[in-house]
Protein backbone atom coordinates (compact mmCIF):
# COMPACT_ATOMS: atom_id res chain seq x y z
CA UNK A 1 -20.65 0.35 1.35
CA UNK A 2 -17.46 0.69 3.34
CA UNK A 3 -13.99 1.79 2.30
CA UNK A 4 -10.82 -0.21 2.89
CA UNK A 5 -7.18 0.62 2.39
CA UNK A 6 -5.21 -2.21 0.84
CA UNK A 7 -1.55 -1.77 1.79
CA UNK A 8 0.93 -3.51 -0.50
CA UNK A 9 4.16 -4.77 1.10
CA UNK A 10 7.17 -6.23 -0.65
CA UNK A 11 10.92 -6.72 -0.66
CA UNK A 12 12.39 -3.51 -2.09
CA UNK A 13 15.72 -5.17 -2.96
CA UNK A 14 13.94 -7.68 -5.17
CA UNK A 15 11.92 -4.96 -6.91
CA UNK A 16 15.05 -2.84 -7.40
CA UNK A 17 16.72 -5.77 -9.17
CA UNK A 18 13.82 -6.31 -11.60
CA UNK A 19 14.69 -6.14 -15.27
CA UNK A 20 12.69 -3.73 -17.44
CA UNK A 21 10.65 -6.72 -18.65
CA UNK A 22 9.87 -7.81 -15.07
CA UNK A 23 8.89 -4.27 -14.15
CA UNK A 24 6.62 -4.16 -17.20
CA UNK A 25 5.04 -7.46 -16.17
CA UNK A 26 4.38 -6.11 -12.66
CA UNK A 27 2.79 -2.94 -14.03
CA UNK A 28 0.64 -5.06 -16.35
CA UNK A 29 -0.45 -7.20 -13.40
CA UNK A 30 -1.55 -4.06 -11.55
CA UNK A 31 -3.45 -2.81 -14.59
CA UNK A 32 -5.19 -6.19 -14.73
CA UNK A 33 -6.08 -5.92 -11.04
CA UNK A 34 -7.50 -2.44 -11.64
CA UNK A 35 -9.70 -3.80 -14.42
CA UNK A 36 -10.86 -6.71 -12.25
CA UNK A 37 -11.61 -4.44 -9.28
CA UNK A 38 -13.54 -2.05 -11.53
CA UNK A 39 -15.56 0.56 -9.67
CA UNK A 40 -14.53 -0.94 -6.31
CA UNK A 41 -11.08 0.58 -6.92
CA UNK A 42 -11.31 4.20 -5.80
CA UNK A 43 -7.63 4.90 -6.46
CA UNK A 44 -4.13 4.00 -5.48
CA UNK A 45 -0.49 4.80 -5.98
CA UNK A 46 2.96 3.28 -5.79
CA UNK A 47 5.38 4.79 -3.29
CA UNK A 48 9.00 5.74 -3.80
CA UNK A 49 11.50 3.46 -1.98
CA UNK A 50 11.90 3.80 1.79
CA UNK A 51 15.28 5.53 1.37
CA UNK A 52 13.27 8.58 0.25
CA UNK A 53 11.15 8.62 3.44
CA UNK A 54 11.33 11.27 6.12
CA UNK A 55 9.98 10.50 9.58
CA UNK A 56 8.53 13.16 11.86
CA UNK A 57 8.06 12.42 15.56
CA UNK A 58 7.86 14.35 18.80
CA UNK A 59 10.29 13.77 21.63
CA UNK A 60 9.37 13.60 25.33
CA UNK A 61 9.32 17.40 25.54
CA UNK A 62 7.03 17.73 22.53
CA UNK A 63 9.71 19.03 20.18
CA UNK A 64 9.53 17.93 16.56
CA UNK A 65 12.30 15.51 15.58
CA UNK A 66 12.87 14.90 11.86
CA UNK A 67 14.94 11.95 10.65
CA UNK A 68 15.72 10.51 7.25
CA UNK A 69 14.28 7.07 6.65
CA UNK A 70 11.07 5.13 7.20
CA UNK A 71 9.01 5.16 10.40
CA UNK A 72 9.85 1.48 10.94
CA UNK A 73 12.49 -0.66 9.32
CA UNK A 74 11.34 -4.03 8.04
CA UNK A 75 12.29 -6.55 5.39
CA UNK A 76 8.99 -5.97 3.62
CA UNK A 77 8.33 -2.27 3.06
CA UNK A 78 5.10 -0.48 2.25
CA UNK A 79 5.31 -0.01 -1.50
CA UNK A 80 1.87 1.23 -2.44
CA UNK A 81 -1.83 1.11 -1.77
CA UNK A 82 -5.31 0.91 -3.21
CA UNK A 83 -8.42 2.47 -1.73
CA UNK A 84 -11.33 0.16 -2.40
CA UNK A 85 -15.03 0.13 -1.63
CA UNK A 86 -16.82 -3.06 -0.68
CA UNK A 87 -20.01 -4.06 1.13
CA UNK A 88 -18.08 -5.83 3.92
CA UNK A 89 -14.68 -7.13 5.00
CA UNK A 90 -15.14 -10.49 3.26
CA UNK A 91 -15.78 -8.75 -0.05
CA UNK A 92 -12.80 -6.44 0.53
CA UNK A 93 -10.58 -9.46 1.21
CA UNK A 94 -11.78 -11.13 -1.97
CA UNK A 95 -10.81 -8.04 -3.96
CA UNK A 96 -7.49 -7.52 -2.12
CA UNK A 97 -6.50 -11.17 -2.64
CA UNK A 98 -6.11 -10.34 -6.33
CA UNK A 99 -3.57 -7.52 -5.79
CA UNK A 100 -0.16 -8.51 -7.16
CA UNK A 101 2.40 -8.71 -4.33
CA UNK A 102 4.89 -11.40 -5.40
CA UNK A 103 7.58 -10.58 -2.81
CA UNK A 104 5.34 -9.84 0.15
CA UNK A 105 1.64 -9.53 0.83
CA UNK A 106 -1.21 -7.14 1.33
CA UNK A 107 -2.95 -5.82 4.42
CA UNK A 108 -6.62 -4.81 4.40
CA UNK A 109 -7.61 -2.06 6.83
CA UNK A 110 -11.11 -0.61 7.20
CA UNK A 111 -11.30 3.17 6.93
CA UNK A 112 -12.59 4.58 10.21
CA UNK A 113 -15.47 6.98 9.81
CA UNK A 114 -15.93 9.59 12.51
CA UNK A 115 -19.31 11.12 13.22
CA UNK A 116 -19.72 14.63 11.87
CA UNK A 117 -20.43 17.34 14.48
């Protein structure tokens, strides 16, 4: 079995404008996904909005530069993730296709495994 990170992207402005009922519906949709994914779902979390992000980079001299805001600005922001386990990429895609992302989409990335020394 391999592990895959399912990155959930969406339009933060749309989510911020959700009514309490719409937010409840979205949470229910994620609970449904978690039930469908079953043991393939190894965990996941929602992220705070990008305005809460802090970016850390190094400048040309190697000095740490800290700035408020996300690493990259985009219309669709990373809003959360699931870590799933599946036998192959096709199976991971089949699982990830069921993740609710009504204002964006999901990205499936294999977890890279490094050999142990």
